[in-house]
Amino acid sequence: MGITPQYVGMYGRPWIINLNTDSGADNLIGLTSSNIALTVRNLNTFQDAAASTGTIIILSASPAQILWYPVAKDYAYGGSFALEIVVTFSTGPIEYDPIPFTIVAR
């Protein structure tokens, strides 16, 4: 579960995210943060999605753990959202389970 609730227009707190597959913790050895894409999807419409421009840092390559610093644009509107994570490995992209969170007006 994401850090929730967040507040409209705020930068928010950094998220520590463990990247796990059905078989356990993943391995990011040999990758950089440029291999990781985060998208914030509006669950109220399911159509509105925006790539995050927040900072991504690999805290641990194995087991895979990242730190995401969201920016105000990531929290532009109130509602229910999901953080979608895609990591591009040499074998291709892997999409992880979305992380739900809520954004509310102050």
PDB file of N, CA and C in Angstrom:
ATOM      1  N   MET A   1       0.845  -1.176   0.000  1.00  0.00           N
ATOM      2  CA  MET A   1       0.000   0.000   0.000  1.00  0.00           C
ATOM      3  C   MET A   1       0.884   1.230   0.000  1.00  0.00           C
ATOM      4  N   GLY A   2       0.509   2.225  -0.773  1.00  0.00           N
ATOM      5  CA  GLY A   2       1.256   3.457  -0.834  1.00  0.00           C
ATOM      6  C   GLY A   2       1.057   4.296   0.418  1.00  0.00           C
ATOM      7  N   ILE A   3       1.802   5.366   0.506  1.00  0.00           N
ATOM      8  CA  ILE A   3       1.648   6.301   1.609  1.00  0.00           C
ATOM      9  C   ILE A   3       0.393   7.107   1.308  1.00  0.00           C
ATOM     10  N   THR A   4      -0.611   6.967   2.146  1.00  0.00           N
ATOM     11  CA  THR A   4      -1.894   7.579   1.854  1.00  0.00           C
ATOM     12  C   THR A   4      -2.531   8.075   3.136  1.00  0.00           C
ATOM     13  N   PRO A   5      -3.267   9.170   3.161  1.00  0.00           N
ATOM     14  CA  PRO A   5      -3.523   9.993   1.977  1.00  0.00           C
ATOM     15  C   PRO A   5      -2.379  10.968   1.706  1.00  0.00           C
ATOM     16  N   GLN A   6      -2.321  11.406   0.464  1.00  0.00           N
ATOM     17  CA  GLN A   6      -1.461  12.503   0.054  1.00  0.00           C
ATOM     18  C   GLN A   6      -2.371  13.713  -0.129  1.00  0.00           C
ATOM     19  N   TYR A   7      -1.795  14.877  -0.359  1.00  0.00           N
ATOM     20  CA  TYR A   7      -2.601  16.086  -0.469  1.00  0.00           C
ATOM     21  C   TYR A   7      -2.375  16.768  -1.804  1.00  0.00           C
ATOM     22  N   VAL A   8      -3.457  17.304  -2.382  1.00  0.00           N
ATOM     23  CA  VAL A   8      -3.404  17.956  -3.686  1.00  0.00           C
ATOM     24  C   VAL A   8      -2.296  19.009  -3.700  1.00  0.00           C
ATOM     25  N   GLY A   9      -1.466  18.942  -4.731  1.00  0.00           N
ATOM     26  CA  GLY A   9      -0.429  19.928  -4.961  1.00  0.00           C
ATOM     27  C   GLY A   9       0.801  19.830  -4.085  1.00  0.00           C
ATOM     28  N   MET A  10       0.831  18.901  -3.180  1.00  0.00           N
ATOM     29  CA  MET A  10       1.982  18.767  -2.288  1.00  0.00           C
ATOM     30  C   MET A  10       3.062  17.912  -2.967  1.00  0.00           C
ATOM     31  N   TYR A  11       4.279  18.051  -2.469  1.00  0.00           N
ATOM     32  CA  TYR A  11       5.352  17.220  -2.985  1.00  0.00           C
ATOM     33  C   TYR A  11       5.294  15.829  -2.400  1.00  0.00           C
ATOM     34  N   GLY A  12       4.680  15.688  -1.253  1.00  0.00           N
ATOM     35  CA  GLY A  12       4.540  14.376  -0.656  1.00  0.00           C
ATOM     36  C   GLY A  12       5.824  13.873  -0.024  1.00  0.00           C
ATOM     37  N   ARG A  13       5.672  12.791   0.683  1.00  0.00           N
ATOM     38  CA  ARG A  13       6.820  12.150   1.330  1.00  0.00           C
ATOM     39  C   ARG A  13       7.419  11.133   0.360  1.00  0.00           C
ATOM     40  N   PRO A  14       8.716  10.866   0.483  1.00  0.00           N
ATOM     41  CA  PRO A  14       9.315   9.844  -0.386  1.00  0.00           C
ATOM     42  C   PRO A  14       8.742   8.466  -0.052  1.00  0.00           C
ATOM     43  N   TRP A  15       8.598   7.659  -1.058  1.00  0.00           N
ATOM     44  CA  TRP A  15       8.099   6.292  -0.900  1.00  0.00           C
ATOM     45  C   TRP A  15       9.269   5.326  -1.019  1.00  0.00           C
ATOM     46  N   ILE A  16       9.337   4.352  -0.139  1.00  0.00           N
ATOM     47  CA  ILE A  16      10.267   3.236  -0.287  1.00  0.00           C
ATOM     48  C   ILE A  16       9.446   2.079  -0.848  1.00  0.00           C
ATOM     49  N   ILE A  17       9.863   1.567  -1.990  1.00  0.00           N
ATOM     50  CA  ILE A  17       9.085   0.547  -2.700  1.00  0.00           C
ATOM     51  C   ILE A  17       9.936  -0.695  -2.902  1.00  0.00           C
ATOM     52  N   ASN A  18       9.441  -1.826  -2.425  1.00  0.00           N
ATOM     53  CA  ASN A  18      10.085  -3.116  -2.676  1.00  0.00           C
ATOM     54  C   ASN A  18       9.525  -3.681  -3.972  1.00  0.00           C
ATOM     55  N   LEU A  19      10.403  -4.105  -4.863  1.00  0.00           N
ATOM     56  CA  LEU A  19       9.960  -4.676  -6.139  1.00  0.00           C
ATOM     57  C   LEU A  19      10.009  -6.196  -6.038  1.00  0.00           C
ATOM     58  N   ASN A  20       8.825  -6.775  -5.969  1.00  0.00           N
ATOM     59  CA  ASN A  20       8.702  -8.227  -5.819  1.00  0.00           C
ATOM     60  C   ASN A  20       7.928  -8.827  -6.977  1.00  0.00           C
ATOM     61  N   THR A  21       8.270 -10.048  -7.304  1.00  0.00           N
ATOM     62  CA  THR A  21       7.521 -10.829  -8.282  1.00  0.00           C
ATOM     63  C   THR A  21       6.823 -11.961  -7.532  1.00  0.00           C
ATOM     64  N   ASP A  22       6.121 -12.809  -8.243  1.00  0.00           N
ATOM     65  CA  ASP A  22       5.458 -13.949  -7.601  1.00  0.00           C
ATOM     66  C   ASP A  22       6.459 -14.898  -6.951  1.00  0.00           C
ATOM     67  N   SER A  23       7.695 -14.867  -7.419  1.00  0.00           N
ATOM     68  CA  SER A  23       8.704 -15.766  -6.854  1.00  0.00           C
ATOM     69  C   SER A  23       9.578 -15.101  -5.784  1.00  0.00           C
ATOM     70  N   GLY A  24       9.287 -13.843  -5.441  1.00  0.00           N
ATOM     71  CA  GLY A  24      10.054 -13.164  -4.392  1.00  0.00           C
ATOM     72  C   GLY A  24      10.647 -11.856  -4.863  1.00  0.00           C
ATOM     73  N   ALA A  25      11.609 -11.371  -4.102  1.00  0.00           N
ATOM     74  CA  ALA A  25      12.238 -10.082  -4.408  1.00  0.00           C
ATOM     75  C   ALA A  25      12.979 -10.139  -5.741  1.00  0.00           C
ATOM     76  N   ASP A  26      12.854  -9.069  -6.506  1.00  0.00           N
ATOM     77  CA  ASP A  26      13.525  -8.997  -7.793  1.00  0.00           C
ATOM     78  C   ASP A  26      14.970  -8.542  -7.606  1.00  0.00           C
ATOM     79  N   ASN A  27      15.703  -8.439  -8.717  1.00  0.00           N
ATOM     80  CA  ASN A  27      17.121  -8.121  -8.708  1.00  0.00           C
ATOM     81  C   ASN A  27      17.366  -7.038  -9.757  1.00  0.00           C
ATOM     82  N   LEU A  28      17.890  -5.892  -9.332  1.00  0.00           N
ATOM     83  CA  LEU A  28      18.158  -4.777 -10.240  1.00  0.00           C
ATOM     84  C   LEU A  28      19.640  -4.604 -10.554  1.00  0.00           C
ATOM     85  N   ILE A  29      20.446  -5.599 -10.261  1.00  0.00           N
ATOM     86  CA  ILE A  29      21.890  -5.498 -10.511  1.00  0.00           C
ATOM     87  C   ILE A  29      22.132  -5.205 -11.992  1.00  0.00           C
ATOM     88  N   GLY A  30      22.964  -4.193 -12.243  1.00  0.00           N
ATOM     89  CA  GLY A  30      23.287  -3.797 -13.606  1.00  0.00           C
ATOM     90  C   GLY A  30      22.348  -2.760 -14.187  1.00  0.00           C
ATOM     91  N   LEU A  31      21.292  -2.382 -13.452  1.00  0.00           N
ATOM     92  CA  LEU A  31      20.344  -1.387 -13.945  1.00  0.00           C
ATOM     93  C   LEU A  31      20.589  -0.043 -13.261  1.00  0.00           C
ATOM     94  N   THR A  32      20.059   1.010 -13.862  1.00  0.00           N
ATOM     95  CA  THR A  32      20.084   2.341 -13.266  1.00  0.00           C
ATOM     96  C   THR A  32      18.653   2.842 -13.132  1.00  0.00           C
ATOM     97  N   SER A  33      18.497   3.970 -12.491  1.00  0.00           N
ATOM     98  CA  SER A  33      17.151   4.517 -12.321  1.00  0.00           C
ATOM     99  C   SER A  33      16.490   4.843 -13.661  1.00  0.00           C
ATOM    100  N   SER A  34      17.264   5.043 -14.704  1.00  0.00           N
ATOM    101  CA  SER A  34      16.681   5.308 -16.025  1.00  0.00           C
ATOM    102  C   SER A  34      15.965   4.088 -16.591  1.00  0.00           C
ATOM    103  N   ASN A  35      16.193   2.911 -16.014  1.00  0.00           N
ATOM    104  CA  ASN A  35      15.489   1.693 -16.433  1.00  0.00           C
ATOM    105  C   ASN A  35      14.124   1.558 -15.762  1.00  0.00           C
ATOM    106  N   ILE A  36      13.795   2.499 -14.878  1.00  0.00           N
ATOM    107  CA  ILE A  36      12.566   2.411 -14.091  1.00  0.00           C
ATOM    108  C   ILE A  36      11.630   3.548 -14.478  1.00  0.00           C
ATOM    109  N   ALA A  37      10.397   3.208 -14.824  1.00  0.00           N
ATOM    110  CA  ALA A  37       9.383   4.205 -15.179  1.00  0.00           C
ATOM    111  C   ALA A  37       8.220   4.102 -14.205  1.00  0.00           C
ATOM    112  N   LEU A  38       7.798   5.257 -13.698  1.00  0.00           N
ATOM    113  CA  LEU A  38       6.663   5.307 -12.787  1.00  0.00           C
ATOM    114  C   LEU A  38       5.559   6.143 -13.424  1.00  0.00           C
ATOM    115  N   THR A  39       4.343   5.630 -13.372  1.00  0.00           N
ATOM    116  CA  THR A  39       3.187   6.323 -13.912  1.00  0.00           C
ATOM    117  C   THR A  39       2.127   6.416 -12.831  1.00  0.00           C
ATOM    118  N   VAL A  40       1.512   7.595 -12.718  1.00  0.00           N
ATOM    119  CA  VAL A  40       0.409   7.787 -11.780  1.00  0.00           C
ATOM    120  C   VAL A  40      -0.890   7.706 -12.586  1.00  0.00           C
ATOM    121  N   ARG A  41      -1.713   6.690 -12.266  1.00  0.00           N
ATOM    122  CA  ARG A  41      -2.974   6.477 -12.999  1.00  0.00           C
ATOM    123  C   ARG A  41      -4.156   6.858 -12.126  1.00  0.00           C
ATOM    124  N   ASN A  42      -5.069   7.641 -12.705  1.00  0.00           N
ATOM    125  CA  ASN A  42      -6.296   8.047 -12.038  1.00  0.00           C
ATOM    126  C   ASN A  42      -7.277   6.871 -12.088  1.00  0.00           C
ATOM    127  N   LEU A  43      -7.627   6.319 -10.937  1.00  0.00           N
ATOM    128  CA  LEU A  43      -8.535   5.167 -10.901  1.00  0.00           C
ATOM    129  C   LEU A  43      -9.999   5.573 -11.019  1.00  0.00           C
ATOM    130  N   ASN A  44     -10.276   6.873 -10.957  1.00  0.00           N
ATOM    131  CA  ASN A  44     -11.651   7.334 -11.137  1.00  0.00           C
ATOM    132  C   ASN A  44     -12.043   7.275 -12.607  1.00  0.00           C
ATOM    133  N   THR A  45     -11.090   7.503 -13.502  1.00  0.00           N
ATOM    134  CA  THR A  45     -11.382   7.506 -14.936  1.00  0.00           C
ATOM    135  C   THR A  45     -10.712   6.350 -15.680  1.00  0.00           C
ATOM    136  N   PHE A  46      -9.649   5.809 -15.119  1.00  0.00           N
ATOM    137  CA  PHE A  46      -8.834   4.739 -15.716  1.00  0.00           C
ATOM    138  C   PHE A  46      -8.187   5.154 -17.030  1.00  0.00           C
ATOM    139  N   GLN A  47      -8.427   6.371 -17.485  1.00  0.00           N
ATOM    140  CA  GLN A  47      -7.822   6.825 -18.729  1.00  0.00           C
ATOM    141  C   GLN A  47      -6.694   7.812 -18.477  1.00  0.00           C
ATOM    142  N   ASP A  48      -6.834   8.599 -17.421  1.00  0.00           N
ATOM    143  CA  ASP A  48      -5.830   9.617 -17.134  1.00  0.00           C
ATOM    144  C   ASP A  48      -4.622   8.979 -16.453  1.00  0.00           C
ATOM    145  N   ALA A  49      -3.484   9.035 -17.119  1.00  0.00           N
ATOM    146  CA  ALA A  49      -2.238   8.521 -16.554  1.00  0.00           C
ATOM    147  C   ALA A  49      -1.128   9.480 -16.972  1.00  0.00           C
ATOM    148  N   ALA A  50      -0.229   9.745 -16.050  1.00  0.00           N
ATOM    149  CA  ALA A  50       0.870  10.654 -16.351  1.00  0.00           C
ATOM    150  C   ALA A  50       2.164  10.080 -15.810  1.00  0.00           C
ATOM    151  N   ALA A  51       3.197  10.134 -16.626  1.00  0.00           N
ATOM    152  CA  ALA A  51       4.511   9.690 -16.187  1.00  0.00           C
ATOM    153  C   ALA A  51       4.998  10.629 -15.091  1.00  0.00           C
ATOM    154  N   SER A  52       5.510  10.072 -14.024  1.00  0.00           N
ATOM    155  CA  SER A  52       6.062  10.879 -12.944  1.00  0.00           C
ATOM    156  C   SER A  52       7.413  11.439 -13.365  1.00  0.00           C
ATOM    157  N   THR A  53       7.654  12.683 -13.001  1.00  0.00           N
ATOM    158  CA  THR A  53       8.973  13.278 -13.222  1.00  0.00           C
ATOM    159  C   THR A  53       9.743  13.352 -11.906  1.00  0.00           C
ATOM    160  N   GLY A  54       9.208  12.686 -10.887  1.00  0.00           N
ATOM    161  CA  GLY A  54       9.880  12.632  -9.600  1.00  0.00           C
ATOM    162  C   GLY A  54      11.168  11.830  -9.683  1.00  0.00           C
ATOM    163  N   THR A  55      12.005  12.008  -8.699  1.00  0.00           N
ATOM    164  CA  THR A  55      13.300  11.327  -8.653  1.00  0.00           C
ATOM    165  C   THR A  55      13.132   9.876  -8.221  1.00  0.00           C
ATOM    166  N   ILE A  56      13.850   8.992  -8.889  1.00  0.00           N
ATOM    167  CA  ILE A  56      13.872   7.566  -8.553  1.00  0.00           C
ATOM    168  C   ILE A  56      15.311   7.208  -8.199  1.00  0.00           C
ATOM    169  N   ILE A  57      15.491   6.571  -7.061  1.00  0.00           N
ATOM    170  CA  ILE A  57      16.815   6.140  -6.622  1.00  0.00           C
ATOM    171  C   ILE A  57      16.749   4.650  -6.297  1.00  0.00           C
ATOM    172  N   ILE A  58      17.720   3.884  -6.768  1.00  0.00           N
ATOM    173  CA  ILE A  58      17.803   2.469  -6.394  1.00  0.00           C
ATOM    174  C   ILE A  58      18.500   2.406  -5.038  1.00  0.00           C
ATOM    175  N   LEU A  59      17.745   2.013  -4.008  1.00  0.00           N
ATOM    176  CA  LEU A  59      18.310   1.881  -2.663  1.00  0.00           C
ATOM    177  C   LEU A  59      19.081   0.583  -2.517  1.00  0.00           C
ATOM    178  N   SER A  60      18.536  -0.469  -3.092  1.00  0.00           N
ATOM    179  CA  SER A  60      19.160  -1.797  -3.030  1.00  0.00           C
ATOM    180  C   SER A  60      18.882  -2.511  -4.342  1.00  0.00           C
ATOM    181  N   ALA A  61      19.941  -3.033  -4.968  1.00  0.00           N
ATOM    182  CA  ALA A  61      19.757  -3.764  -6.220  1.00  0.00           C
ATOM    183  C   ALA A  61      19.225  -5.172  -5.970  1.00  0.00           C
ATOM    184  N   SER A  62      19.670  -5.795  -4.880  1.00  0.00           N
ATOM    185  CA  SER A  62      19.216  -7.150  -4.565  1.00  0.00           C
ATOM    186  C   SER A  62      19.201  -7.338  -3.054  1.00  0.00           C
ATOM    187  N   PRO A  63      18.023  -7.438  -2.448  1.00  0.00           N
ATOM    188  CA  PRO A  63      16.690  -7.442  -3.051  1.00  0.00           C
ATOM    189  C   PRO A  63      16.320  -6.042  -3.557  1.00  0.00           C
ATOM    190  N   ALA A  64      15.538  -6.007  -4.618  1.00  0.00           N
ATOM    191  CA  ALA A  64      15.208  -4.757  -5.299  1.00  0.00           C
ATOM    192  C   ALA A  64      14.359  -3.848  -4.423  1.00  0.00           C
ATOM    193  N   GLN A  65      14.888  -2.633  -4.201  1.00  0.00           N
ATOM    194  CA  GLN A  65      14.172  -1.638  -3.422  1.00  0.00           C
ATOM    195  C   GLN A  65      14.514  -0.260  -3.989  1.00  0.00           C
ATOM    196  N   ILE A  66      13.473   0.533  -4.274  1.00  0.00           N
ATOM    197  CA  ILE A  66      13.689   1.865  -4.826  1.00  0.00           C
ATOM    198  C   ILE A  66      13.088   2.913  -3.902  1.00  0.00           C
ATOM    199  N   LEU A  67      13.535   4.150  -4.109  1.00  0.00           N
ATOM    200  CA  LEU A  67      12.992   5.307  -3.408  1.00  0.00           C
ATOM    201  C   LEU A  67      12.446   6.232  -4.479  1.00  0.00           C
ATOM    202  N   TRP A  68      11.197   6.675  -4.306  1.00  0.00           N
ATOM    203  CA  TRP A  68      10.562   7.592  -5.258  1.00  0.00           C
ATOM    204  C   TRP A  68      10.218   8.878  -4.539  1.00  0.00           C
ATOM    205  N   TYR A  69      10.710  10.013  -5.064  1.00  0.00           N
ATOM    206  CA  TYR A  69      10.367  11.332  -4.560  1.00  0.00           C
ATOM    207  C   TYR A  69       9.337  11.934  -5.519  1.00  0.00           C
ATOM    208  N   PRO A  70       8.054  11.894  -5.181  1.00  0.00           N
ATOM    209  CA  PRO A  70       7.042  12.477  -6.062  1.00  0.00           C
ATOM    210  C   PRO A  70       7.174  13.999  -6.132  1.00  0.00           C
ATOM    211  N   VAL A  71       6.655  14.572  -7.200  1.00  0.00           N
ATOM    212  CA  VAL A  71       6.626  16.026  -7.367  1.00  0.00           C
ATOM    213  C   VAL A  71       5.178  16.499  -7.328  1.00  0.00           C
ATOM    214  N   ALA A  72       4.960  17.819  -7.233  1.00  0.00           N
ATOM    215  CA  ALA A  72       3.609  18.379  -7.108  1.00  0.00           C
ATOM    216  C   ALA A  72       2.702  17.927  -8.252  1.00  0.00           C
ATOM    217  N   LYS A  73       3.246  17.781  -9.454  1.00  0.00           N
ATOM    218  CA  LYS A  73       2.453  17.348 -10.615  1.00  0.00           C
ATOM    219  C   LYS A  73       1.852  15.962 -10.388  1.00  0.00           C
ATOM    220  N   ASP A  74       2.550  15.114  -9.633  1.00  0.00           N
ATOM    221  CA  ASP A  74       2.047  13.767  -9.355  1.00  0.00           C
ATOM    222  C   ASP A  74       0.797  13.801  -8.484  1.00  0.00           C
ATOM    223  N   TYR A  75       0.621  14.906  -7.763  1.00  0.00           N
ATOM    224  CA  TYR A  75      -0.518  15.061  -6.847  1.00  0.00           C
ATOM    225  C   TYR A  75      -1.397  16.235  -7.258  1.00  0.00           C
ATOM    226  N   ALA A  76      -1.601  16.422  -8.547  1.00  0.00           N
ATOM    227  CA  ALA A  76      -2.334  17.584  -9.055  1.00  0.00           C
ATOM    228  C   ALA A  76      -3.823  17.547  -8.759  1.00  0.00           C
ATOM    229  N   TYR A  77      -4.420  16.367  -8.651  1.00  0.00           N
ATOM    230  CA  TYR A  77      -5.872  16.243  -8.491  1.00  0.00           C
ATOM    231  C   TYR A  77      -6.204  15.270  -7.371  1.00  0.00           C
ATOM    232  N   GLY A  78      -7.340  15.504  -6.748  1.00  0.00           N
ATOM    233  CA  GLY A  78      -7.805  14.588  -5.716  1.00  0.00           C
ATOM    234  C   GLY A  78      -8.452  13.355  -6.318  1.00  0.00           C
ATOM    235  N   GLY A  79      -8.500  12.276  -5.547  1.00  0.00           N
ATOM    236  CA  GLY A  79      -9.158  11.060  -5.986  1.00  0.00           C
ATOM    237  C   GLY A  79      -8.361   9.818  -5.631  1.00  0.00           C
ATOM    238  N   SER A  80      -8.743   8.727  -6.259  1.00  0.00           N
ATOM    239  CA  SER A  80      -8.059   7.442  -6.068  1.00  0.00           C
ATOM    240  C   SER A  80      -7.096   7.216  -7.225  1.00  0.00           C
ATOM    241  N   PHE A  81      -5.884   6.808  -6.889  1.00  0.00           N
ATOM    242  CA  PHE A  81      -4.844   6.647  -7.892  1.00  0.00           C
ATOM    243  C   PHE A  81      -4.090   5.343  -7.676  1.00  0.00           C
ATOM    244  N   ALA A  82      -3.302   4.973  -8.667  1.00  0.00           N
ATOM    245  CA  ALA A  82      -2.408   3.821  -8.550  1.00  0.00           C
ATOM    246  C   ALA A  82      -1.065   4.213  -9.148  1.00  0.00           C
ATOM    247  N   LEU A  83      -0.010   3.830  -8.451  1.00  0.00           N
ATOM    248  CA  LEU A  83       1.339   4.019  -8.967  1.00  0.00           C
ATOM    249  C   LEU A  83       1.708   2.756  -9.733  1.00  0.00           C
ATOM    250  N   GLU A  84       1.979   2.917 -11.021  1.00  0.00           N
ATOM    251  CA  GLU A  84       2.359   1.793 -11.869  1.00  0.00           C
ATOM    252  C   GLU A  84       3.866   1.845 -12.097  1.00  0.00           C
ATOM    253  N   ILE A  85       4.510   0.701 -11.935  1.00  0.00           N
ATOM    254  CA  ILE A  85       5.966   0.620 -12.025  1.00  0.00           C
ATOM    255  C   ILE A  85       6.348  -0.348 -13.131  1.00  0.00           C
ATOM    256  N   VAL A  86       7.204   0.099 -14.041  1.00  0.00           N
ATOM    257  CA  VAL A  86       7.727  -0.760 -15.098  1.00  0.00           C
ATOM    258  C   VAL A  86       9.253  -0.657 -15.065  1.00  0.00           C
ATOM    259  N   VAL A  87       9.898  -1.801 -14.985  1.00  0.00           N
ATOM    260  CA  VAL A  87      11.359  -1.854 -15.035  1.00  0.00           C
ATOM    261  C   VAL A  87      11.750  -2.546 -16.336  1.00  0.00           C
ATOM    262  N   THR A  88      12.657  -1.914 -17.077  1.00  0.00           N
ATOM    263  CA  THR A  88      13.112  -2.495 -18.334  1.00  0.00           C
ATOM    264  C   THR A  88      14.434  -3.214 -18.098  1.00  0.00           C
ATOM    265  N   PHE A  89      14.372  -4.536 -18.202  1.00  0.00           N
ATOM    266  CA  PHE A  89      15.555  -5.395 -18.076  1.00  0.00           C
ATOM    267  C   PHE A  89      16.090  -5.670 -19.478  1.00  0.00           C
ATOM    268  N   SER A  90      17.235  -6.314 -19.582  1.00  0.00           N
ATOM    269  CA  SER A  90      17.791  -6.656 -20.898  1.00  0.00           C
ATOM    270  C   SER A  90      16.869  -7.611 -21.657  1.00  0.00           C
ATOM    271  N   THR A  91      16.042  -8.357 -20.924  1.00  0.00           N
ATOM    272  CA  THR A  91      15.100  -9.299 -21.543  1.00  0.00           C
ATOM    273  C   THR A  91      13.766  -8.655 -21.887  1.00  0.00           C
ATOM    274  N   GLY A  92      13.586  -7.381 -21.497  1.00  0.00           N
ATOM    275  CA  GLY A  92      12.345  -6.670 -21.793  1.00  0.00           C
ATOM    276  C   GLY A  92      11.738  -6.069 -20.536  1.00  0.00           C
ATOM    277  N   PRO A  93      10.631  -5.346 -20.702  1.00  0.00           N
ATOM    278  CA  PRO A  93      10.002  -4.681 -19.567  1.00  0.00           C
ATOM    279  C   PRO A  93       9.185  -5.633 -18.697  1.00  0.00           C
ATOM    280  N   ILE A  94       9.195  -5.351 -17.393  1.00  0.00           N
ATOM    281  CA  ILE A  94       8.380  -6.077 -16.422  1.00  0.00           C
ATOM    282  C   ILE A  94       7.504  -5.056 -15.707  1.00  0.00           C
ATOM    283  N   GLU A  95       6.199  -5.301 -15.671  1.00  0.00           N
ATOM    284  CA  GLU A  95       5.265  -4.428 -14.973  1.00  0.00           C
ATOM    285  C   GLU A  95       4.925  -5.050 -13.625  1.00  0.00           C
ATOM    286  N   TYR A  96       5.055  -4.268 -12.572  1.00  0.00           N
ATOM    287  CA  TYR A  96       4.769  -4.741 -11.218  1.00  0.00           C
ATOM    288  C   TYR A  96       3.330  -4.406 -10.846  1.00  0.00           C
ATOM    289  N   ASP A  97       2.840  -5.039  -9.789  1.00  0.00           N
ATOM    290  CA  ASP A  97       1.484  -4.756  -9.326  1.00  0.00           C
ATOM    291  C   ASP A  97       1.369  -3.277  -8.970  1.00  0.00           C
ATOM    292  N   PRO A  98       0.274  -2.633  -9.386  1.00  0.00           N
ATOM    293  CA  PRO A  98       0.087  -1.223  -9.056  1.00  0.00           C
ATOM    294  C   PRO A  98      -0.074  -1.029  -7.547  1.00  0.00           C
ATOM    295  N   ILE A  99       0.321   0.142  -7.073  1.00  0.00           N
ATOM    296  CA  ILE A  99       0.217   0.488  -5.662  1.00  0.00           C
ATOM    297  C   ILE A  99      -0.872   1.556  -5.516  1.00  0.00           C
ATOM    298  N   PRO A 100      -1.994   1.230  -4.876  1.00  0.00           N
ATOM    299  CA  PRO A 100      -3.085   2.209  -4.752  1.00  0.00           C
ATOM    300  C   PRO A 100      -2.779   3.258  -3.680  1.00  0.00           C
ATOM    301  N   PHE A 101      -3.272   4.481  -3.920  1.00  0.00           N
ATOM    302  CA  PHE A 101      -3.172   5.537  -2.916  1.00  0.00           C
ATOM    303  C   PHE A 101      -4.243   6.585  -3.187  1.00  0.00           C
ATOM    304  N   THR A 102      -4.452   7.453  -2.211  1.00  0.00           N
ATOM    305  CA  THR A 102      -5.493   8.467  -2.293  1.00  0.00           C
ATOM    306  C   THR A 102      -4.873   9.859  -2.174  1.00  0.00           C
ATOM    307  N   ILE A 103      -5.420  10.798  -2.952  1.00  0.00           N
ATOM    308  CA  ILE A 103      -5.034  12.192  -2.863  1.00  0.00           C
ATOM    309  C   ILE A 103      -6.272  12.980  -2.468  1.00  0.00           C
ATOM    310  N   VAL A 104      -6.141  13.807  -1.429  1.00  0.00           N
ATOM    311  CA  VAL A 104      -7.280  14.574  -0.934  1.00  0.00           C
ATOM    312  C   VAL A 104      -6.930  16.058  -0.892  1.00  0.00           C
ATOM    313  N   ALA A 105      -7.979  16.910  -0.939  1.00  0.00           N
ATOM    314  CA  ALA A 105      -7.785  18.341  -0.809  1.00  0.00           C
ATOM    315  C   ALA A 105      -7.563  18.683   0.661  1.00  0.00           C
ATOM    316  N   ARG A 106      -6.785  19.678   0.911  1.00  0.00           N
ATOM    317  CA  ARG A 106      -6.537  20.114   2.299  1.00  0.00           C
ATOM    318  C   ARG A 106      -7.590  21.061   2.750  1.00  0.00           C
TER     319      ARG A 106
END
